[in-house]
Amino acid sequence: MAHKLSDEERQEAWRGFRDKVNLTPTELERWLEEPESKSSGQSEEGGESTGHRSGRRIAEIQRMRKDDLGEDDYAHMRKVVGYIDRHLAQRPAGDVRETTWRYSLMNWGHDPLKN
């Protein structure tokens, strides 16, 4: 079981999540219905990809009141921030509009082309 986060760790997770996730819950849910969303990322034997499942969870968290967030929610928020940071560091050269790299990030709630 993960350790209980301190108030400071919770605040850091909240700030990072709000900073990195730039798709609204509605934008994210629409994206998750697209074929490109469903085909990007690692999945277990024909099942839903890790990123796709994470995207559904991200939209749920975004709709929650901060006071209602639990340890599991904060743990997922930290995982999302870590994934986005690592993935952004691997940006491919050239136009990324129609790349698996961008699609995977979008599954995690971040569109690198959105300001």
PDB file of N, CA and C in Angstrom:
ATOM      1  N   MET A   1       0.835  -1.181   0.000  1.00  0.00           N
ATOM      2  CA  MET A   1       0.000   0.000   0.000  1.00  0.00           C
ATOM      3  C   MET A   1       0.881   1.246   0.000  1.00  0.00           C
ATOM      4  N   ALA A   2       0.508   2.245  -0.777  1.00  0.00           N
ATOM      5  CA  ALA A   2       1.282   3.469  -0.874  1.00  0.00           C
ATOM      6  C   ALA A   2       1.202   4.246   0.436  1.00  0.00           C
ATOM      7  N   HIS A   3       2.241   5.019   0.699  1.00  0.00           N
ATOM      8  CA  HIS A   3       2.213   5.795   1.938  1.00  0.00           C
ATOM      9  C   HIS A   3       1.199   6.924   1.834  1.00  0.00           C
ATOM     10  N   LYS A   4       0.701   7.334   2.972  1.00  0.00           N
ATOM     11  CA  LYS A   4      -0.261   8.424   3.015  1.00  0.00           C
ATOM     12  C   LYS A   4       0.488   9.709   2.690  1.00  0.00           C
ATOM     13  N   LEU A   5      -0.051  10.467   1.762  1.00  0.00           N
ATOM     14  CA  LEU A   5       0.615  11.695   1.326  1.00  0.00           C
ATOM     15  C   LEU A   5       0.442  12.795   2.357  1.00  0.00           C
ATOM     16  N   SER A   6       1.485  13.596   2.481  1.00  0.00           N
ATOM     17  CA  SER A   6       1.401  14.766   3.348  1.00  0.00           C
ATOM     18  C   SER A   6       0.568  15.839   2.644  1.00  0.00           C
ATOM     19  N   ASP A   7       0.147  16.842   3.384  1.00  0.00           N
ATOM     20  CA  ASP A   7      -0.602  17.953   2.778  1.00  0.00           C
ATOM     21  C   ASP A   7       0.219  18.608   1.678  1.00  0.00           C
ATOM     22  N   GLU A   8       1.527  18.739   1.915  1.00  0.00           N
ATOM     23  CA  GLU A   8       2.410  19.351   0.920  1.00  0.00           C
ATOM     24  C   GLU A   8       2.460  18.505  -0.361  1.00  0.00           C
ATOM     25  N   GLU A   9       2.554  17.181  -0.207  1.00  0.00           N
ATOM     26  CA  GLU A   9       2.580  16.293  -1.378  1.00  0.00           C
ATOM     27  C   GLU A   9       1.259  16.354  -2.141  1.00  0.00           C
ATOM     28  N   ARG A  10       0.158  16.457  -1.407  1.00  0.00           N
ATOM     29  CA  ARG A  10      -1.151  16.584  -2.054  1.00  0.00           C
ATOM     30  C   ARG A  10      -1.225  17.885  -2.860  1.00  0.00           C
ATOM     31  N   GLN A  11      -0.766  18.975  -2.263  1.00  0.00           N
ATOM     32  CA  GLN A  11      -0.782  20.268  -2.961  1.00  0.00           C
ATOM     33  C   GLN A  11       0.094  20.219  -4.218  1.00  0.00           C
ATOM     34  N   GLU A  12       1.253  19.592  -4.093  1.00  0.00           N
ATOM     35  CA  GLU A  12       2.158  19.464  -5.237  1.00  0.00           C
ATOM     36  C   GLU A  12       1.507  18.639  -6.353  1.00  0.00           C
ATOM     37  N   ALA A  13       0.847  17.555  -5.984  1.00  0.00           N
ATOM     38  CA  ALA A  13       0.153  16.715  -6.966  1.00  0.00           C
ATOM     39  C   ALA A  13      -0.969  17.506  -7.638  1.00  0.00           C
ATOM     40  N   TRP A  14      -1.727  18.240  -6.844  1.00  0.00           N
ATOM     41  CA  TRP A  14      -2.842  19.044  -7.364  1.00  0.00           C
ATOM     42  C   TRP A  14      -2.333  20.091  -8.354  1.00  0.00           C
ATOM     43  N   ARG A  15      -1.297  20.827  -7.955  1.00  0.00           N
ATOM     44  CA  ARG A  15      -0.752  21.883  -8.832  1.00  0.00           C
ATOM     45  C   ARG A  15      -0.200  21.285 -10.120  1.00  0.00           C
ATOM     46  N   GLY A  16       0.562  20.208 -10.003  1.00  0.00           N
ATOM     47  CA  GLY A  16       1.134  19.573 -11.184  1.00  0.00           C
ATOM     48  C   GLY A  16       0.064  19.071 -12.133  1.00  0.00           C
ATOM     49  N   PHE A  17      -0.955  18.443 -11.580  1.00  0.00           N
ATOM     50  CA  PHE A  17      -2.057  17.907 -12.379  1.00  0.00           C
ATOM     51  C   PHE A  17      -2.783  19.035 -13.104  1.00  0.00           C
ATOM     52  N   ARG A  18      -3.094  20.105 -12.385  1.00  0.00           N
ATOM     53  CA  ARG A  18      -3.800  21.238 -12.996  1.00  0.00           C
ATOM     54  C   ARG A  18      -2.942  21.912 -14.061  1.00  0.00           C
ATOM     55  N   ASP A  19      -1.634  21.897 -13.872  1.00  0.00           N
ATOM     56  CA  ASP A  19      -0.713  22.525 -14.808  1.00  0.00           C
ATOM     57  C   ASP A  19      -0.529  21.685 -16.071  1.00  0.00           C
ATOM     58  N   LYS A  20      -0.416  20.387 -15.919  1.00  0.00           N
ATOM     59  CA  LYS A  20      -0.078  19.500 -17.046  1.00  0.00           C
ATOM     60  C   LYS A  20      -1.292  19.046 -17.853  1.00  0.00           C
ATOM     61  N   VAL A  21      -2.414  18.803 -17.197  1.00  0.00           N
ATOM     62  CA  VAL A  21      -3.608  18.319 -17.894  1.00  0.00           C
ATOM     63  C   VAL A  21      -4.311  19.534 -18.502  1.00  0.00           C
ATOM     64  N   ASN A  22      -4.217  19.665 -19.828  1.00  0.00           N
ATOM     65  CA  ASN A  22      -4.776  20.854 -20.469  1.00  0.00           C
ATOM     66  C   ASN A  22      -6.018  20.561 -21.314  1.00  0.00           C
ATOM     67  N   LEU A  23      -6.510  19.339 -21.272  1.00  0.00           N
ATOM     68  CA  LEU A  23      -7.786  19.024 -21.915  1.00  0.00           C
ATOM     69  C   LEU A  23      -8.880  19.055 -20.856  1.00  0.00           C
ATOM     70  N   THR A  24     -10.015  19.617 -21.200  1.00  0.00           N
ATOM     71  CA  THR A  24     -11.143  19.598 -20.270  1.00  0.00           C
ATOM     72  C   THR A  24     -11.685  18.172 -20.211  1.00  0.00           C
ATOM     73  N   PRO A  25     -12.483  17.858 -19.190  1.00  0.00           N
ATOM     74  CA  PRO A  25     -13.055  16.503 -19.154  1.00  0.00           C
ATOM     75  C   PRO A  25     -13.850  16.176 -20.420  1.00  0.00           C
ATOM     76  N   THR A  26     -14.601  17.136 -20.932  1.00  0.00           N
ATOM     77  CA  THR A  26     -15.390  16.908 -22.150  1.00  0.00           C
ATOM     78  C   THR A  26     -14.483  16.678 -23.352  1.00  0.00           C
ATOM     79  N   GLU A  27     -13.436  17.512 -23.512  1.00  0.00           N
ATOM     80  CA  GLU A  27     -12.494  17.324 -24.622  1.00  0.00           C
ATOM     81  C   GLU A  27     -11.823  15.957 -24.522  1.00  0.00           C
ATOM     82  N   LEU A  28     -11.441  15.580 -23.321  1.00  0.00           N
ATOM     83  CA  LEU A  28     -10.761  14.305 -23.115  1.00  0.00           C
ATOM     84  C   LEU A  28     -11.691  13.138 -23.438  1.00  0.00           C
ATOM     85  N   GLU A  29     -12.919  13.182 -22.964  1.00  0.00           N
ATOM     86  CA  GLU A  29     -13.864  12.096 -23.240  1.00  0.00           C
ATOM     87  C   GLU A  29     -14.168  11.992 -24.734  1.00  0.00           C
ATOM     88  N   ARG A  30     -14.285  13.115 -25.408  1.00  0.00           N
ATOM     89  CA  ARG A  30     -14.482  13.077 -26.873  1.00  0.00           C
ATOM     90  C   ARG A  30     -13.286  12.434 -27.553  1.00  0.00           C
ATOM     91  N   TRP A  31     -12.086  12.847 -27.133  1.00  0.00           N
ATOM     92  CA  TRP A  31     -10.867  12.289 -27.711  1.00  0.00           C
ATOM     93  C   TRP A  31     -10.802  10.779 -27.499  1.00  0.00           C
ATOM     94  N   LEU A  32     -11.189  10.313 -26.323  1.00  0.00           N
ATOM     95  CA  LEU A  32     -11.095   8.883 -26.009  1.00  0.00           C
ATOM     96  C   LEU A  32     -12.014   8.034 -26.882  1.00  0.00           C
ATOM     97  N   GLU A  33     -12.982   8.661 -27.549  1.00  0.00           N
ATOM     98  CA  GLU A  33     -13.863   7.941 -28.471  1.00  0.00           C
ATOM     99  C   GLU A  33     -13.251   7.797 -29.874  1.00  0.00           C
ATOM    100  N   GLU A  34     -12.204   8.551 -30.152  1.00  0.00           N
ATOM    101  CA  GLU A  34     -11.578   8.533 -31.485  1.00  0.00           C
ATOM    102  C   GLU A  34     -10.759   7.255 -31.696  1.00  0.00           C
ATOM    103  N   PRO A  35     -10.748   6.743 -32.944  1.00  0.00           N
ATOM    104  CA  PRO A  35      -9.950   5.542 -33.235  1.00  0.00           C
ATOM    105  C   PRO A  35      -8.466   5.727 -32.910  1.00  0.00           C
ATOM    106  N   GLU A  36      -7.928   6.936 -33.147  1.00  0.00           N
ATOM    107  CA  GLU A  36      -6.505   7.185 -32.871  1.00  0.00           C
ATOM    108  C   GLU A  36      -6.203   7.052 -31.380  1.00  0.00           C
ATOM    109  N   SER A  37      -7.154   7.440 -30.557  1.00  0.00           N
ATOM    110  CA  SER A  37      -6.978   7.311 -29.109  1.00  0.00           C
ATOM    111  C   SER A  37      -6.925   5.845 -28.707  1.00  0.00           C
ATOM    112  N   LYS A  38      -7.833   5.085 -29.264  1.00  0.00           N
ATOM    113  CA  LYS A  38      -7.943   3.678 -28.884  1.00  0.00           C
ATOM    114  C   LYS A  38      -6.776   2.838 -29.394  1.00  0.00           C
ATOM    115  N   SER A  39      -6.098   3.311 -30.448  1.00  0.00           N
ATOM    116  CA  SER A  39      -5.024   2.512 -31.039  1.00  0.00           C
ATOM    117  C   SER A  39      -3.640   2.903 -30.538  1.00  0.00           C
ATOM    118  N   SER A  40      -3.542   3.929 -29.699  1.00  0.00           N
ATOM    119  CA  SER A  40      -2.204   4.318 -29.229  1.00  0.00           C
ATOM    120  C   SER A  40      -2.003   3.871 -27.787  1.00  0.00           C
ATOM    121  N   GLY A  41      -0.779   3.518 -27.492  1.00  0.00           N
ATOM    122  CA  GLY A  41      -0.436   3.110 -26.130  1.00  0.00           C
ATOM    123  C   GLY A  41      -0.347   1.605 -25.976  1.00  0.00           C
ATOM    124  N   GLN A  42       0.164   1.185 -24.832  1.00  0.00           N
ATOM    125  CA  GLN A  42       0.343  -0.233 -24.534  1.00  0.00           C
ATOM    126  C   GLN A  42      -0.925  -0.794 -23.921  1.00  0.00           C
ATOM    127  N   SER A  43      -1.317  -1.972 -24.402  1.00  0.00           N
ATOM    128  CA  SER A  43      -2.513  -2.593 -23.833  1.00  0.00           C
ATOM    129  C   SER A  43      -2.253  -4.058 -23.540  1.00  0.00           C
ATOM    130  N   GLU A  44      -3.075  -4.587 -22.660  1.00  0.00           N
ATOM    131  CA  GLU A  44      -2.978  -6.002 -22.318  1.00  0.00           C
ATOM    132  C   GLU A  44      -3.848  -6.785 -23.295  1.00  0.00           C
ATOM    133  N   GLU A  45      -3.238  -7.632 -24.112  1.00  0.00           N
ATOM    134  CA  GLU A  45      -3.907  -8.533 -25.048  1.00  0.00           C
ATOM    135  C   GLU A  45      -5.245  -8.055 -25.581  1.00  0.00           C
ATOM    136  N   GLY A  46      -5.203  -7.054 -26.438  1.00  0.00           N
ATOM    137  CA  GLY A  46      -6.420  -6.587 -27.095  1.00  0.00           C
ATOM    138  C   GLY A  46      -7.341  -5.784 -26.210  1.00  0.00           C
ATOM    139  N   GLY A  47      -6.956  -5.558 -24.971  1.00  0.00           N
ATOM    140  CA  GLY A  47      -7.796  -4.783 -24.065  1.00  0.00           C
ATOM    141  C   GLY A  47      -7.530  -3.293 -24.194  1.00  0.00           C
ATOM    142  N   GLU A  48      -8.105  -2.558 -23.291  1.00  0.00           N
ATOM    143  CA  GLU A  48      -7.937  -1.110 -23.284  1.00  0.00           C
ATOM    144  C   GLU A  48      -6.500  -0.760 -22.893  1.00  0.00           C
ATOM    145  N   SER A  49      -5.932   0.244 -23.571  1.00  0.00           N
ATOM    146  CA  SER A  49      -4.557   0.641 -23.251  1.00  0.00           C
ATOM    147  C   SER A  49      -4.502   1.315 -21.887  1.00  0.00           C
ATOM    148  N   THR A  50      -3.321   1.293 -21.305  1.00  0.00           N
ATOM    149  CA  THR A  50      -3.099   1.922 -20.002  1.00  0.00           C
ATOM    150  C   THR A  50      -3.456   3.403 -20.064  1.00  0.00           C
ATOM    151  N   GLY A  51      -3.005   4.083 -21.121  1.00  0.00           N
ATOM    152  CA  GLY A  51      -3.283   5.508 -21.263  1.00  0.00           C
ATOM    153  C   GLY A  51      -4.762   5.799 -21.453  1.00  0.00           C
ATOM    154  N   HIS A  52      -5.440   4.954 -22.189  1.00  0.00           N
ATOM    155  CA  HIS A  52      -6.877   5.148 -22.426  1.00  0.00           C
ATOM    156  C   HIS A  52      -7.642   5.012 -21.114  1.00  0.00           C
ATOM    157  N   ARG A  53      -7.311   3.999 -20.353  1.00  0.00           N
ATOM    158  CA  ARG A  53      -7.942   3.801 -19.042  1.00  0.00           C
ATOM    159  C   ARG A  53      -7.621   4.985 -18.127  1.00  0.00           C
ATOM    160  N   SER A  54      -6.377   5.440 -18.183  1.00  0.00           N
ATOM    161  CA  SER A  54      -5.971   6.590 -17.377  1.00  0.00           C
ATOM    162  C   SER A  54      -6.765   7.833 -17.771  1.00  0.00           C
ATOM    163  N   GLY A  55      -7.002   8.018 -19.064  1.00  0.00           N
ATOM    164  CA  GLY A  55      -7.766   9.175 -19.528  1.00  0.00           C
ATOM    165  C   GLY A  55      -9.165   9.219 -18.946  1.00  0.00           C
ATOM    166  N   ARG A  56      -9.810   8.054 -18.867  1.00  0.00           N
ATOM    167  CA  ARG A  56     -11.147   8.009 -18.264  1.00  0.00           C
ATOM    168  C   ARG A  56     -11.078   8.397 -16.788  1.00  0.00           C
ATOM    169  N   ARG A  57     -10.050   7.927 -16.114  1.00  0.00           N
ATOM    170  CA  ARG A  57      -9.871   8.260 -14.689  1.00  0.00           C
ATOM    171  C   ARG A  57      -9.563   9.750 -14.511  1.00  0.00           C
ATOM    172  N   ILE A  58      -8.755  10.314 -15.405  1.00  0.00           N
ATOM    173  CA  ILE A  58      -8.420  11.739 -15.344  1.00  0.00           C
ATOM    174  C   ILE A  58      -9.680  12.586 -15.443  1.00  0.00           C
ATOM    175  N   ALA A  59     -10.556  12.262 -16.392  1.00  0.00           N
ATOM    176  CA  ALA A  59     -11.810  13.013 -16.549  1.00  0.00           C
ATOM    177  C   ALA A  59     -12.654  12.928 -15.277  1.00  0.00           C
ATOM    178  N   GLU A  60     -12.676  11.763 -14.636  1.00  0.00           N
ATOM    179  CA  GLU A  60     -13.413  11.607 -13.370  1.00  0.00           C
ATOM    180  C   GLU A  60     -12.822  12.512 -12.291  1.00  0.00           C
ATOM    181  N   ILE A  61     -11.509  12.502 -12.177  1.00  0.00           N
ATOM    182  CA  ILE A  61     -10.836  13.317 -11.162  1.00  0.00           C
ATOM    183  C   ILE A  61     -11.101  14.801 -11.410  1.00  0.00           C
ATOM    184  N   GLN A  62     -11.042  15.212 -12.680  1.00  0.00           N
ATOM    185  CA  GLN A  62     -11.282  16.621 -12.998  1.00  0.00           C
ATOM    186  C   GLN A  62     -12.670  17.078 -12.566  1.00  0.00           C
ATOM    187  N   ARG A  63     -13.611  16.182 -12.571  1.00  0.00           N
ATOM    188  CA  ARG A  63     -14.990  16.541 -12.217  1.00  0.00           C
ATOM    189  C   ARG A  63     -15.249  16.490 -10.706  1.00  0.00           C
ATOM    190  N   MET A  64     -14.298  15.982  -9.970  1.00  0.00           N
ATOM    191  CA  MET A  64     -14.481  15.863  -8.523  1.00  0.00           C
ATOM    192  C   MET A  64     -14.137  17.177  -7.828  1.00  0.00           C
ATOM    193  N   ARG A  65     -14.768  17.367  -6.677  1.00  0.00           N
ATOM    194  CA  ARG A  65     -14.384  18.489  -5.827  1.00  0.00           C
ATOM    195  C   ARG A  65     -13.075  18.129  -5.148  1.00  0.00           C
ATOM    196  N   LYS A  66     -12.224  19.100  -4.970  1.00  0.00           N
ATOM    197  CA  LYS A  66     -10.915  18.852  -4.361  1.00  0.00           C
ATOM    198  C   LYS A  66     -11.066  18.171  -2.999  1.00  0.00           C
ATOM    199  N   ASP A  67     -12.070  18.579  -2.240  1.00  0.00           N
ATOM    200  CA  ASP A  67     -12.292  18.007  -0.907  1.00  0.00           C
ATOM    201  C   ASP A  67     -12.685  16.531  -0.957  1.00  0.00           C
ATOM    202  N   ASP A  68     -13.162  16.065  -2.109  1.00  0.00           N
ATOM    203  CA  ASP A  68     -13.610  14.675  -2.249  1.00  0.00           C
ATOM    204  C   ASP A  68     -12.516  13.742  -2.768  1.00  0.00           C
ATOM    205  N   LEU A  69     -11.345  14.283  -3.101  1.00  0.00           N
ATOM    206  CA  LEU A  69     -10.256  13.464  -3.627  1.00  0.00           C
ATOM    207  C   LEU A  69      -9.658  12.606  -2.524  1.00  0.00           C
ATOM    208  N   GLY A  70      -9.400  11.339  -2.859  1.00  0.00           N
ATOM    209  CA  GLY A  70      -8.804  10.411  -1.908  1.00  0.00           C
ATOM    210  C   GLY A  70      -7.354  10.109  -2.250  1.00  0.00           C
ATOM    211  N   GLU A  71      -6.747   9.260  -1.436  1.00  0.00           N
ATOM    212  CA  GLU A  71      -5.346   8.879  -1.643  1.00  0.00           C
ATOM    213  C   GLU A  71      -5.117   8.308  -3.042  1.00  0.00           C
ATOM    214  N   ASP A  72      -6.021   7.438  -3.501  1.00  0.00           N
ATOM    215  CA  ASP A  72      -5.872   6.837  -4.830  1.00  0.00           C
ATOM    216  C   ASP A  72      -5.921   7.895  -5.929  1.00  0.00           C
ATOM    217  N   ASP A  73      -6.780   8.905  -5.742  1.00  0.00           N
ATOM    218  CA  ASP A  73      -6.879   9.984  -6.731  1.00  0.00           C
ATOM    219  C   ASP A  73      -5.573  10.772  -6.801  1.00  0.00           C
ATOM    220  N   TYR A  74      -5.030  11.107  -5.634  1.00  0.00           N
ATOM    221  CA  TYR A  74      -3.761  11.851  -5.609  1.00  0.00           C
ATOM    222  C   TYR A  74      -2.625  11.010  -6.186  1.00  0.00           C
ATOM    223  N   ALA A  75      -2.636   9.718  -5.899  1.00  0.00           N
ATOM    224  CA  ALA A  75      -1.607   8.835  -6.459  1.00  0.00           C
ATOM    225  C   ALA A  75      -1.703   8.818  -7.981  1.00  0.00           C
ATOM    226  N   HIS A  76      -2.925   8.784  -8.503  1.00  0.00           N
ATOM    227  CA  HIS A  76      -3.079   8.785  -9.957  1.00  0.00           C
ATOM    228  C   HIS A  76      -2.654  10.128 -10.544  1.00  0.00           C
ATOM    229  N   MET A  77      -2.971  11.201  -9.859  1.00  0.00           N
ATOM    230  CA  MET A  77      -2.561  12.525 -10.334  1.00  0.00           C
ATOM    231  C   MET A  77      -1.037  12.607 -10.445  1.00  0.00           C
ATOM    232  N   ARG A  78      -0.348  12.061  -9.461  1.00  0.00           N
ATOM    233  CA  ARG A  78       1.122  12.066  -9.494  1.00  0.00           C
ATOM    234  C   ARG A  78       1.637  11.217 -10.655  1.00  0.00           C
ATOM    235  N   LYS A  79       0.987  10.089 -10.893  1.00  0.00           N
ATOM    236  CA  LYS A  79       1.367   9.208 -12.008  1.00  0.00           C
ATOM    237  C   LYS A  79       1.188   9.944 -13.337  1.00  0.00           C
ATOM    238  N   VAL A  80       0.088  10.679 -13.474  1.00  0.00           N
ATOM    239  CA  VAL A  80      -0.208  11.429 -14.700  1.00  0.00           C
ATOM    240  C   VAL A  80       0.869  12.485 -14.946  1.00  0.00           C
ATOM    241  N   VAL A  81       1.211  13.244 -13.921  1.00  0.00           N
ATOM    242  CA  VAL A  81       2.232  14.291 -14.055  1.00  0.00           C
ATOM    243  C   VAL A  81       3.567  13.673 -14.460  1.00  0.00           C
ATOM    244  N   GLY A  82       3.940  12.579 -13.829  1.00  0.00           N
ATOM    245  CA  GLY A  82       5.194  11.911 -14.164  1.00  0.00           C
ATOM    246  C   GLY A  82       5.212  11.421 -15.599  1.00  0.00           C
ATOM    247  N   TYR A  83       4.103  10.816 -16.037  1.00  0.00           N
ATOM    248  CA  TYR A  83       4.021  10.318 -17.412  1.00  0.00           C
ATOM    249  C   TYR A  83       4.156  11.468 -18.400  1.00  0.00           C
ATOM    250  N   ILE A  84       3.388  12.540 -18.192  1.00  0.00           N
ATOM    251  CA  ILE A  84       3.412  13.677 -19.118  1.00  0.00           C
ATOM    252  C   ILE A  84       4.819  14.268 -19.175  1.00  0.00           C
ATOM    253  N   ASP A  85       5.450  14.465 -18.026  1.00  0.00           N
ATOM    254  CA  ASP A  85       6.813  15.019 -18.010  1.00  0.00           C
ATOM    255  C   ASP A  85       7.781  14.139 -18.787  1.00  0.00           C
ATOM    256  N   ARG A  86       7.746  12.825 -18.543  1.00  0.00           N
ATOM    257  CA  ARG A  86       8.661  11.903 -19.250  1.00  0.00           C
ATOM    258  C   ARG A  86       8.387  11.909 -20.748  1.00  0.00           C
ATOM    259  N   HIS A  87       7.112  11.885 -21.108  1.00  0.00           N
ATOM    260  CA  HIS A  87       6.747  11.810 -22.521  1.00  0.00           C
ATOM    261  C   HIS A  87       7.102  13.095 -23.265  1.00  0.00           C
ATOM    262  N   LEU A  88       6.894  14.241 -22.634  1.00  0.00           N
ATOM    263  CA  LEU A  88       7.244  15.518 -23.266  1.00  0.00           C
ATOM    264  C   LEU A  88       8.740  15.594 -23.553  1.00  0.00           C
ATOM    265  N   ALA A  89       9.542  14.991 -22.702  1.00  0.00           N
ATOM    266  CA  ALA A  89      10.998  14.999 -22.884  1.00  0.00           C
ATOM    267  C   ALA A  89      11.416  14.170 -24.094  1.00  0.00           C
ATOM    268  N   GLN A  90      10.521  13.326 -24.607  1.00  0.00           N
ATOM    269  CA  GLN A  90      10.828  12.459 -25.748  1.00  0.00           C
ATOM    270  C   GLN A  90      10.204  12.973 -27.049  1.00  0.00           C
ATOM    271  N   ARG A  91       9.897  14.261 -27.106  1.00  0.00           N
ATOM    272  CA  ARG A  91       9.224  14.832 -28.278  1.00  0.00           C
ATOM    273  C   ARG A  91      10.017  14.537 -29.554  1.00  0.00           C
ATOM    274  N   PRO A  92       9.357  13.965 -30.545  1.00  0.00           N
ATOM    275  CA  PRO A  92      10.052  13.695 -31.810  1.00  0.00           C
ATOM    276  C   PRO A  92      10.245  14.986 -32.611  1.00  0.00           C
ATOM    277  N   ALA A  93      11.162  14.946 -33.532  1.00  0.00           N
ATOM    278  CA  ALA A  93      11.397  16.105 -34.395  1.00  0.00           C
ATOM    279  C   ALA A  93      10.260  16.236 -35.413  1.00  0.00           C
ATOM    280  N   GLY A  94      10.079  17.441 -35.899  1.00  0.00           N
ATOM    281  CA  GLY A  94       9.111  17.660 -36.972  1.00  0.00           C
ATOM    282  C   GLY A  94       7.698  17.892 -36.478  1.00  0.00           C
ATOM    283  N   ASP A  95       6.787  17.757 -37.401  1.00  0.00           N
ATOM    284  CA  ASP A  95       5.370  17.994 -37.145  1.00  0.00           C
ATOM    285  C   ASP A  95       4.806  16.829 -36.331  1.00  0.00           C
ATOM    286  N   VAL A  96       4.248  17.135 -35.171  1.00  0.00           N
ATOM    287  CA  VAL A  96       3.761  16.071 -34.285  1.00  0.00           C
ATOM    288  C   VAL A  96       2.236  15.934 -34.295  1.00  0.00           C
ATOM    289  N   ARG A  97       1.570  16.691 -35.176  1.00  0.00           N
ATOM    290  CA  ARG A  97       0.096  16.704 -35.158  1.00  0.00           C
ATOM    291  C   ARG A  97      -0.527  15.324 -35.244  1.00  0.00           C
ATOM    292  N   GLU A  98      -0.046  14.488 -36.141  1.00  0.00           N
ATOM    293  CA  GLU A  98      -0.659  13.168 -36.344  1.00  0.00           C
ATOM    294  C   GLU A  98       0.314  12.059 -35.982  1.00  0.00           C
ATOM    295  N   THR A  99       0.831  12.128 -34.771  1.00  0.00           N
ATOM    296  CA  THR A  99       1.799  11.127 -34.314  1.00  0.00           C
ATOM    297  C   THR A  99       1.250  10.347 -33.123  1.00  0.00           C
ATOM    298  N   THR A 100       1.714   9.124 -32.997  1.00  0.00           N
ATOM    299  CA  THR A 100       1.356   8.306 -31.843  1.00  0.00           C
ATOM    300  C   THR A 100       1.826   8.989 -30.563  1.00  0.00           C
ATOM    301  N   TRP A 101       2.952   9.705 -30.640  1.00  0.00           N
ATOM    302  CA  TRP A 101       3.479  10.425 -29.477  1.00  0.00           C
ATOM    303  C   TRP A 101       2.423  11.408 -28.948  1.00  0.00           C
ATOM    304  N   ARG A 102       1.866  12.212 -29.833  1.00  0.00           N
ATOM    305  CA  ARG A 102       0.842  13.183 -29.417  1.00  0.00           C
ATOM    306  C   ARG A 102      -0.417  12.461 -28.937  1.00  0.00           C
ATOM    307  N   TYR A 103      -0.849  11.457 -29.671  1.00  0.00           N
ATOM    308  CA  TYR A 103      -2.075  10.736 -29.307  1.00  0.00           C
ATOM    309  C   TYR A 103      -1.960  10.113 -27.921  1.00  0.00           C
ATOM    310  N   SER A 104      -0.787   9.564 -27.621  1.00  0.00           N
ATOM    311  CA  SER A 104      -0.572   8.960 -26.316  1.00  0.00           C
ATOM    312  C   SER A 104      -0.657  10.018 -25.210  1.00  0.00           C
ATOM    313  N   LEU A 105      -0.030  11.166 -25.436  1.00  0.00           N
ATOM    314  CA  LEU A 105      -0.121  12.264 -24.461  1.00  0.00           C
ATOM    315  C   LEU A 105      -1.565  12.709 -24.266  1.00  0.00           C
ATOM    316  N   MET A 106      -2.308  12.780 -25.348  1.00  0.00           N
ATOM    317  CA  MET A 106      -3.699  13.213 -25.246  1.00  0.00           C
ATOM    318  C   MET A 106      -4.527  12.222 -24.427  1.00  0.00           C
ATOM    319  N   ASN A 107      -4.214  10.931 -24.528  1.00  0.00           N
ATOM    320  CA  ASN A 107      -4.893   9.931 -23.689  1.00  0.00           C
ATOM    321  C   ASN A 107      -4.677  10.235 -22.211  1.00  0.00           C
ATOM    322  N   TRP A 108      -3.555  10.858 -21.900  1.00  0.00           N
ATOM    323  CA  TRP A 108      -3.220  11.214 -20.512  1.00  0.00           C
ATOM    324  C   TRP A 108      -3.636  12.647 -20.188  1.00  0.00           C
ATOM    325  N   GLY A 109      -4.436  13.256 -21.060  1.00  0.00           N
ATOM    326  CA  GLY A 109      -5.026  14.559 -20.759  1.00  0.00           C
ATOM    327  C   GLY A 109      -4.228  15.763 -21.189  1.00  0.00           C
ATOM    328  N   HIS A 110      -3.143  15.560 -21.947  1.00  0.00           N
ATOM    329  CA  HIS A 110      -2.290  16.678 -22.356  1.00  0.00           C
ATOM    330  C   HIS A 110      -2.143  16.715 -23.879  1.00  0.00           C
ATOM    331  N   ASP A 111      -2.576  17.808 -24.483  1.00  0.00           N
ATOM    332  CA  ASP A 111      -2.354  18.012 -25.920  1.00  0.00           C
ATOM    333  C   ASP A 111      -1.186  18.981 -26.064  1.00  0.00           C
ATOM    334  N   PRO A 112      -0.044  18.507 -26.575  1.00  0.00           N
ATOM    335  CA  PRO A 112       1.140  19.383 -26.684  1.00  0.00           C
ATOM    336  C   PRO A 112       0.948  20.535 -27.667  1.00  0.00           C
ATOM    337  N   LEU A 113      -0.095  20.489 -28.487  1.00  0.00           N
ATOM    338  CA  LEU A 113      -0.343  21.570 -29.437  1.00  0.00           C
ATOM    339  C   LEU A 113      -1.301  22.612 -28.892  1.00  0.00           C
ATOM    340  N   LYS A 114      -1.851  22.368 -27.720  1.00  0.00           N
ATOM    341  CA  LYS A 114      -2.819  23.292 -27.118  1.00  0.00           C
ATOM    342  C   LYS A 114      -2.109  24.218 -26.134  1.00  0.00           C
ATOM    343  N   ASN A 115      -2.398  25.502 -26.237  1.00  0.00           N
ATOM    344  CA  ASN A 115      -1.764  26.463 -25.304  1.00  0.00           C
ATOM    345  C   ASN A 115      -2.557  26.612 -24.034  1.00  0.00           C
TER     346      ASN A 115
END
